Amino acid sequence: MSYNGAMSKENLEHYLQVEQRPFDEAPLTDVDLMAFAALIYAEFERFPLTFDEAASTPIGDMPRYGTPWEYVEHDCHPKGMLPFIEALFANPRFTGISLQRFRCIVDEERGVQFGAGCFPLPDGRVIVAYRGTNTLLVGWQENIDLIWQVEGPGEAEALRYFEDAAAAYPDASFIVCGHSKGGGLADHVAVYAPNELLPRIERVVTFDGPPSFRLGDINCPEFGDLDDIILARYDQLPFPLQRYIFPSMVALMLERRDPSVFTYTEAVDSRTHNLCSVHIVDGRIATRTPSAEELQTGMLTSRWVQLMSLDLRCFISTFIVGACRAANTSINLDNLKPLIAVLWRGFLAASPAAKIKAMRLIGYLLKANGPDAPLIYSK
């Protein structure tokens, strides 16, 4: 069945059940990019003989190597991802598109959890999709570490991957996308890709992913004027950079500097970080105007981080990851109550010096939400 404009507020799964025309009849949309950003979360690494950098596997052939559940079992939202994967595997719009150059790196010693793949389109363009964080704690450690790193190991891998893809497809133009941390990696590529490769990037689209700012200022002078350099780079990009923000707890922690650079989406039935919760209206991502209260809340984390010294930024990463390891659990920001309980137990078990630092961070959080909150840079 072809898409006929009758679709009301539905999600990604319903879009895939309805829009089944080939890409030469119905051009690529941001909803399609959202589907590729979701697909790259699939656990292709469970089938290493089929999915590696030398392989080219059509999406329609993927059910031959594993059940849909095997592809999503360890996703942060497996029950939400399962119907999406089932619909995608059966959709003729996507079944002929191949996953190529799949790369997966999990290295606890380096603190990196990375995944990416290329999806060549019939018209010669190539989609590069970056994976976000899954249930592995090392991925969350990598996320938190970014507040004290100039370039995280996953960001370095993302840039290396894009450069390798550009060499592998010398005549192609690229659309770069990703969700959550994957969106942050796509943003990093936009900022740091070599100048000679910029003309080959057609667009960069991120879904609930952070920009590349590090929020360094007088409290953390080690970053120097890095944020100003990044801001100037954004202004000079020769291609569009589209950022979608979902109505989720994660999104409220991602907004940095000027919130007007984001496009805010609607959710179908829950305020989650899951790609499958986004409203699709008439084949397009449904957008909205955020409230002033939401914008204020969205900048809270940015104001908080700006108050931290480099030492406190390193401490918060060590403290959170250490508490989660001691509790043998990971992090799910869509359900904060278990995380708060884990952190409280970690606080009670901490040394006196660590408790002092933790209390200082709590004080900074209260200040960040008060009338004397620091100003956030804007364009």
Protein backbone atom coordinates (compact mmCIF):
# COMPACT_ATOMS: atom_id res chain seq x y z
CA MET A 1 0.00 0.00 0.00
CA SER A 2 1.31 3.42 -0.93
CA TYR A 3 1.21 6.51 1.18
CA ASN A 4 -1.90 8.51 0.28
CA GLY A 5 -1.84 11.44 2.71
CA ALA A 6 -4.45 9.88 4.99
CA MET A 7 -2.00 9.22 7.83
CA SER A 8 -2.77 11.21 10.95
CA LYS A 9 -0.59 11.41 14.04
CA GLU A 10 1.21 8.10 13.88
CA ASN A 11 4.70 6.90 14.73
CA LEU A 12 7.62 5.47 12.79
CA GLU A 13 6.19 1.96 12.78
CA HIS A 14 2.93 3.14 11.20
CA TYR A 15 4.83 5.23 8.65
CA LEU A 16 6.70 2.12 7.54
CA GLN A 17 3.47 0.18 7.23
CA VAL A 18 1.98 2.82 4.94
CA GLU A 19 4.81 4.47 2.96
CA GLN A 20 6.20 1.71 0.77
CA ARG A 21 7.02 3.45 -2.50
CA PRO A 22 10.62 3.16 -3.72
CA PHE A 23 12.91 6.13 -3.24
CA ASP A 24 12.89 6.98 -6.95
CA GLU A 25 9.12 7.57 -6.67
CA ALA A 26 8.98 9.16 -3.19
CA PRO A 27 12.14 11.13 -2.33
CA LEU A 28 14.08 10.64 0.88
CA THR A 29 12.58 12.45 3.89
CA ASP A 30 13.70 13.14 7.43
CA VAL A 31 11.35 10.37 8.57
CA ASP A 32 13.37 7.95 6.43
CA LEU A 33 16.56 9.27 8.02
CA MET A 34 14.97 8.64 11.39
CA ALA A 35 14.41 5.03 10.31
CA PHE A 36 18.08 4.62 9.36
CA ALA A 37 19.13 6.25 12.65
CA ALA A 38 16.97 3.69 14.47
CA LEU A 39 18.14 0.73 12.38
CA ILE A 40 21.81 1.28 13.20
CA TYR A 41 20.97 0.40 16.82
CA ALA A 42 20.24 -3.19 15.71
CA GLU A 43 22.74 -5.67 17.11
CA PHE A 44 24.44 -6.60 13.86
CA GLU A 45 27.56 -7.44 15.86
CA ARG A 46 25.79 -10.59 17.09
CA PHE A 47 26.25 -11.96 13.58
CA PRO A 48 29.91 -11.15 12.79
CA LEU A 49 30.16 -13.52 9.84
CA THR A 50 27.37 -11.63 8.09
CA PHE A 51 27.88 -8.03 9.19
CA ASP A 52 31.38 -6.63 8.98
CA GLU A 53 33.10 -3.85 7.10
CA ALA A 54 33.51 -5.98 3.98
CA ALA A 55 29.88 -7.12 3.85
CA SER A 56 26.95 -5.64 1.95
CA THR A 57 23.67 -6.91 3.37
CA PRO A 58 20.27 -5.84 2.00
CA ILE A 59 17.79 -4.91 4.72
CA GLY A 60 15.37 -7.43 3.22
CA ASP A 61 17.87 -10.24 3.85
CA MET A 62 18.47 -9.40 7.51
CA PRO A 63 15.71 -11.73 8.83
CA ARG A 64 17.70 -14.65 7.33
CA TYR A 65 20.43 -14.17 9.93
CA GLY A 66 18.45 -13.49 13.09
CA THR A 67 14.97 -12.91 14.44
CA PRO A 68 13.77 -9.34 14.90
CA TRP A 69 14.03 -9.82 18.67
CA GLU A 70 17.68 -10.85 18.39
CA TYR A 71 18.41 -7.55 16.68
CA VAL A 72 16.82 -5.43 19.44
CA GLU A 73 17.08 -7.54 22.61
CA HIS A 74 19.66 -5.30 24.30
CA ASP A 75 18.32 -1.97 23.08
CA CYS A 76 17.33 0.60 25.71
CA HIS A 77 13.75 0.31 24.42
CA PRO A 78 13.48 -3.25 23.02
CA LYS A 79 9.68 -3.47 23.13
CA GLY A 80 9.39 -0.17 21.29
CA MET A 81 12.01 -1.13 18.73
CA LEU A 82 10.63 -4.58 17.94
CA PRO A 83 7.55 -3.52 15.88
CA PHE A 84 9.71 -0.94 14.09
CA ILE A 85 12.26 -3.57 13.06
CA GLU A 86 9.52 -5.95 11.94
CA ALA A 87 7.89 -3.24 9.83
CA LEU A 88 11.23 -2.14 8.34
CA PHE A 89 12.27 -5.68 7.37
CA ALA A 90 8.98 -6.07 5.48
CA ASN A 91 8.92 -2.66 3.76
CA PRO A 92 9.85 -2.77 0.03
CA ARG A 93 10.96 0.87 0.22
CA PHE A 94 13.89 -0.29 2.39
CA THR A 95 14.41 -3.99 1.67
CA GLY A 96 16.66 -3.34 -1.33
CA ILE A 97 18.88 -0.86 0.56
CA SER A 98 22.06 -2.47 1.88
CA LEU A 99 24.01 -1.93 5.05
CA GLN A 100 27.68 -1.59 4.20
CA ARG A 101 30.89 -0.91 6.11
CA PHE A 102 29.31 -1.73 9.48
CA ARG A 103 31.71 -0.94 12.29
CA CYS A 104 31.23 -1.69 15.99
CA ILE A 105 33.75 -0.87 18.72
CA VAL A 106 33.28 -1.56 22.43
CA ASP A 107 36.39 -0.84 24.46
CA GLU A 108 36.00 -0.35 28.22
CA GLU A 109 39.66 0.55 28.65
CA ARG A 110 39.34 3.46 26.23
CA GLY A 111 35.80 4.24 27.37
CA VAL A 112 34.16 3.93 23.96
CA GLN A 113 30.99 2.32 22.63
CA PHE A 114 30.70 3.07 18.91
CA GLY A 115 28.62 1.88 15.99
CA ALA A 116 28.10 3.15 12.45
CA GLY A 117 27.04 2.02 9.02
CA CYS A 118 26.63 3.21 5.44
CA PHE A 119 23.43 2.88 3.41
CA PRO A 120 23.98 3.68 -0.31
CA LEU A 121 20.82 4.95 -2.02
CA PRO A 122 19.82 4.18 -5.63
CA ASP A 123 20.64 7.77 -6.69
CA GLY A 124 24.29 7.43 -5.60
CA ARG A 125 24.04 9.29 -2.30
CA VAL A 126 25.18 7.53 0.86
CA ILE A 127 23.58 7.78 4.28
CA VAL A 128 26.04 7.53 7.17
CA ALA A 129 24.20 6.63 10.37
CA TYR A 130 25.79 6.70 13.81
CA ARG A 131 24.57 4.59 16.70
CA GLY A 132 23.61 6.11 20.03
CA THR A 133 24.01 4.62 23.50
CA ASN A 134 22.70 1.16 24.24
CA THR A 135 22.46 -0.60 27.61
CA LEU A 136 26.23 -0.93 28.08
CA LEU A 137 27.51 1.20 30.94
CA VAL A 138 30.67 2.06 29.00
CA GLY A 139 28.50 4.00 26.56
CA TRP A 140 27.04 6.11 29.35
CA GLN A 141 30.52 6.64 30.76
CA GLU A 142 31.55 7.91 27.34
CA ASN A 143 28.62 10.35 27.31
CA ILE A 144 29.40 11.79 30.73
CA ASP A 145 33.13 11.99 30.03
CA LEU A 146 32.43 14.47 27.22
CA ILE A 147 31.94 17.29 29.72
CA TRP A 148 35.68 17.20 30.49
CA GLN A 149 37.14 15.99 27.16
CA VAL A 150 38.02 18.16 24.18
CA GLU A 151 37.33 15.17 21.93
CA GLY A 152 35.96 11.89 23.19
CA PRO A 153 37.21 8.56 21.81
CA GLY A 154 33.85 7.90 20.16
CA GLU A 155 33.95 11.31 18.47
CA ALA A 156 37.40 10.50 17.13
CA GLU A 157 36.08 7.17 15.83
CA ALA A 158 33.12 8.93 14.18
CA LEU A 159 35.37 11.31 12.32
CA ARG A 160 37.68 8.48 11.27
CA TYR A 161 34.69 6.48 10.08
CA PHE A 162 33.40 9.32 7.93
CA GLU A 163 36.81 9.89 6.37
CA ASP A 164 37.03 6.16 5.59
CA ALA A 165 33.54 6.25 4.05
CA ALA A 166 34.46 9.26 1.91
CA ALA A 167 37.45 7.31 0.59
CA ALA A 168 35.36 4.16 0.01
CA TYR A 169 32.71 6.07 -1.99
CA PRO A 170 34.84 8.64 -3.85
CA ASP A 171 32.01 9.89 -6.08
CA ALA A 172 29.23 9.99 -3.51
CA SER A 173 27.67 12.80 -1.55
CA PHE A 174 26.68 12.07 2.04
CA ILE A 175 23.79 12.58 4.39
CA VAL A 176 24.94 12.11 7.98
CA CYS A 177 22.48 11.27 10.74
CA GLY A 178 22.17 9.78 14.21
CA HIS A 179 20.05 9.62 17.33
CA SER A 180 21.07 10.56 20.87
CA LYS A 181 24.84 10.09 21.15
CA GLY A 182 24.74 9.13 17.47
CA GLY A 183 23.33 12.58 16.77
CA GLY A 184 26.18 14.08 18.76
CA LEU A 185 28.65 12.10 16.65
CA ALA A 186 26.99 13.36 13.45
CA ASP A 187 27.24 16.90 14.82
CA HIS A 188 30.92 16.31 15.62
CA VAL A 189 31.53 15.25 12.01
CA ALA A 190 29.83 18.43 10.81
CA VAL A 191 32.14 20.56 12.95
CA TYR A 192 35.41 18.69 12.55
CA ALA A 193 35.33 17.10 9.07
CA PRO A 194 38.28 18.22 6.92
CA ASN A 195 37.45 21.24 4.80
CA GLU A 196 38.02 19.29 1.59
CA LEU A 197 35.21 16.88 2.53
CA LEU A 198 32.62 19.51 3.47
CA PRO A 199 31.35 19.98 -0.13
CA ARG A 200 30.50 16.28 -0.20
CA ILE A 201 28.15 16.53 2.79
CA GLU A 202 24.62 17.28 1.63
CA ARG A 203 22.99 17.46 5.06
CA VAL A 204 23.48 16.54 8.70
CA VAL A 205 20.36 15.58 10.66
CA THR A 206 20.37 14.77 14.38
CA PHE A 207 17.58 13.35 16.51
CA ASP A 208 17.70 14.20 20.22
CA GLY A 209 21.45 14.56 19.99
CA PRO A 210 23.73 17.12 21.66
CA PRO A 211 25.69 19.82 19.85
CA SER A 212 29.46 19.85 20.14
CA PHE A 213 29.84 22.65 22.71
CA ARG A 214 31.85 21.93 25.86
CA LEU A 215 30.53 24.86 27.93
CA GLY A 216 33.90 26.06 29.05
CA ASP A 217 34.10 29.52 30.66
CA ILE A 218 35.83 31.15 33.62
CA ASN A 219 35.00 28.14 35.82
CA CYS A 220 36.65 25.76 33.37
CA PRO A 221 39.24 27.81 31.46
CA GLU A 222 41.01 24.69 30.20
CA PHE A 223 38.69 24.69 27.18
CA GLY A 224 39.79 28.20 26.21
CA ASP A 225 37.72 29.66 23.40
CA LEU A 226 36.75 26.24 22.00
CA ASP A 227 33.01 26.95 22.16
CA ASP A 228 33.40 30.20 20.23
CA ILE A 229 35.38 28.36 17.57
CA ILE A 230 32.67 25.71 17.32
CA LEU A 231 29.98 28.38 17.08
CA ALA A 232 31.87 30.08 14.25
CA ARG A 233 32.23 26.74 12.51
CA TYR A 234 28.46 26.17 12.66
CA ASP A 235 27.90 29.55 11.02
CA GLN A 236 30.28 28.66 8.18
CA LEU A 237 28.96 25.20 7.32
CA PRO A 238 28.11 24.93 3.60
CA PHE A 239 25.25 22.49 4.25
CA PRO A 240 22.11 22.44 6.43
CA LEU A 241 22.40 21.12 9.99
CA GLN A 242 18.97 20.03 11.22
CA ARG A 243 18.51 19.23 14.92
CA TYR A 244 15.30 17.62 16.19
CA ILE A 245 14.60 17.60 19.93
CA PHE A 246 12.03 15.22 21.45
CA PRO A 247 9.80 15.96 24.48
CA SER A 248 11.89 13.68 26.72
CA MET A 249 14.03 13.90 29.85
CA VAL A 250 17.13 13.28 27.75
CA ALA A 251 16.30 16.19 25.48
CA LEU A 252 15.97 18.49 28.46
CA MET A 253 19.60 17.73 29.25
CA LEU A 254 20.91 18.37 25.75
CA GLU A 255 20.03 21.95 24.90
CA ARG A 256 23.05 24.19 24.91
CA ARG A 257 23.49 27.83 24.02
CA ASP A 258 20.67 29.06 21.80
CA PRO A 259 17.61 26.74 21.97
CA SER A 260 16.19 28.34 18.82
CA VAL A 261 18.55 26.21 16.71
CA PHE A 262 16.48 23.14 17.55
CA THR A 263 13.25 21.88 16.00
CA TYR A 264 10.96 20.48 18.69
CA THR A 265 8.92 17.37 17.91
CA GLU A 266 5.69 15.92 19.22
CA ALA A 267 5.35 12.49 20.83
CA VAL A 268 2.71 9.88 20.10
CA ASP A 269 1.94 8.47 23.53
CA SER A 270 4.86 9.06 25.88
CA ARG A 271 7.59 11.57 26.60
CA THR A 272 10.49 9.23 25.88
CA HIS A 273 13.83 9.37 24.15
CA ASN A 274 12.80 6.57 21.79
CA LEU A 275 12.74 7.34 18.06
CA CYS A 276 9.55 5.30 17.74
CA SER A 277 7.66 7.70 20.02
CA VAL A 278 7.87 10.65 17.60
CA HIS A 279 4.68 11.80 15.87
CA ILE A 280 4.58 11.40 12.11
CA VAL A 281 1.91 13.54 10.45
CA ASP A 282 1.25 13.20 6.73
CA GLY A 283 4.61 11.53 6.26
CA ARG A 284 6.53 14.27 8.07
CA ILE A 285 7.92 14.72 11.55
CA ALA A 286 5.38 16.68 13.59
CA THR A 287 6.87 19.79 15.20
CA ARG A 288 5.72 22.19 17.89
CA THR A 289 6.64 25.40 19.68
CA PRO A 290 8.11 24.71 23.13
CA SER A 291 6.85 26.58 26.16
CA ALA A 292 9.01 29.10 27.98
CA GLU A 293 9.05 26.77 30.98
CA GLU A 294 10.33 23.92 28.85
CA LEU A 295 13.09 26.07 27.41
CA GLN A 296 14.10 27.16 30.90
CA THR A 297 14.23 23.55 32.06
CA GLY A 298 16.08 22.55 28.93
CA MET A 299 18.94 24.91 29.69
CA LEU A 300 19.32 23.76 33.31
CA THR A 301 22.03 21.18 32.64
CA SER A 302 23.99 23.65 30.53
CA ARG A 303 23.91 26.22 33.32
CA TRP A 304 24.92 23.55 35.81
CA VAL A 305 27.90 22.32 33.79
CA GLN A 306 29.10 25.88 33.26
CA LEU A 307 29.52 26.23 37.03
CA MET A 308 31.82 23.21 37.27
CA SER A 309 35.59 23.24 37.30
CA LEU A 310 37.42 20.63 35.24
CA ASP A 311 38.10 18.70 38.44
CA LEU A 312 34.39 18.54 39.30
CA ARG A 313 33.54 17.48 35.75
CA CYS A 314 35.96 14.55 36.06
CA PHE A 315 34.59 13.73 39.51
CA ILE A 316 30.94 13.58 38.43
CA SER A 317 31.82 11.10 35.70
CA THR A 318 33.82 8.92 38.09
CA PHE A 319 31.14 9.10 40.77
CA ILE A 320 28.15 8.23 38.57
CA VAL A 321 29.89 5.41 36.72
CA GLY A 322 31.39 4.03 39.93
CA ALA A 323 28.01 4.00 41.67
CA CYS A 324 26.41 2.20 38.73
CA ARG A 325 29.19 -0.36 38.59
CA ALA A 326 28.87 -1.03 42.32
CA ALA A 327 25.14 -1.60 41.82
CA ASN A 328 25.74 -3.70 38.69
CA THR A 329 23.35 -1.55 36.68
CA SER A 330 23.38 0.84 33.75
CA ILE A 331 21.55 4.13 33.16
CA ASN A 332 18.10 4.82 31.74
CA LEU A 333 17.27 8.52 31.74
CA ASP A 334 13.66 7.82 30.83
CA ASN A 335 13.30 6.34 34.33
CA LEU A 336 15.30 8.40 36.80
CA LYS A 337 14.07 6.90 40.09
CA PRO A 338 16.34 3.82 40.00
CA LEU A 339 19.33 5.99 39.02
CA ILE A 340 18.68 8.41 41.90
CA ALA A 341 18.53 5.46 44.31
CA VAL A 342 21.84 4.12 42.96
CA LEU A 343 23.50 7.52 43.29
CA TRP A 344 22.22 7.92 46.85
CA ARG A 345 23.74 4.58 47.82
CA GLY A 346 26.97 5.65 46.12
CA PHE A 347 26.94 8.87 48.10
CA LEU A 348 26.48 7.05 51.39
CA ALA A 349 29.42 4.77 50.58
CA ALA A 350 31.69 7.57 49.35
CA SER A 351 34.71 8.96 51.14
CA PRO A 352 34.37 12.26 53.06
CA ALA A 353 36.26 14.10 50.30
CA ALA A 354 33.94 12.66 47.64
CA LYS A 355 30.88 13.62 49.68
CA ILE A 356 32.12 17.22 49.86
CA LYS A 357 32.46 17.32 46.07
CA ALA A 358 29.02 15.75 45.63
CA MET A 359 27.47 18.34 47.94
CA ARG A 360 29.19 21.11 45.99
CA LEU A 361 27.63 19.74 42.80
CA ILE A 362 24.20 19.71 44.43
CA GLY A 363 24.71 23.31 45.48
CA TYR A 364 25.66 24.24 41.92
CA LEU A 365 22.55 22.48 40.62
CA LEU A 366 20.37 24.56 42.92
CA LYS A 367 22.18 27.71 41.82
CA ALA A 368 21.75 26.77 38.16
CA ASN A 369 18.01 26.68 38.74
CA GLY A 370 17.92 29.94 40.71
CA PRO A 371 17.71 33.67 39.88
CA ASP A 372 21.50 34.00 39.80
CA ALA A 373 21.92 31.27 37.18
CA PRO A 374 24.75 31.92 34.72
CA LEU A 375 23.88 33.15 31.27
CA ILE A 376 24.17 30.72 28.37
CA TYR A 377 25.91 31.85 25.22
CA SER A 378 23.62 32.61 22.31
CA LYS A 379 24.13 33.35 18.67
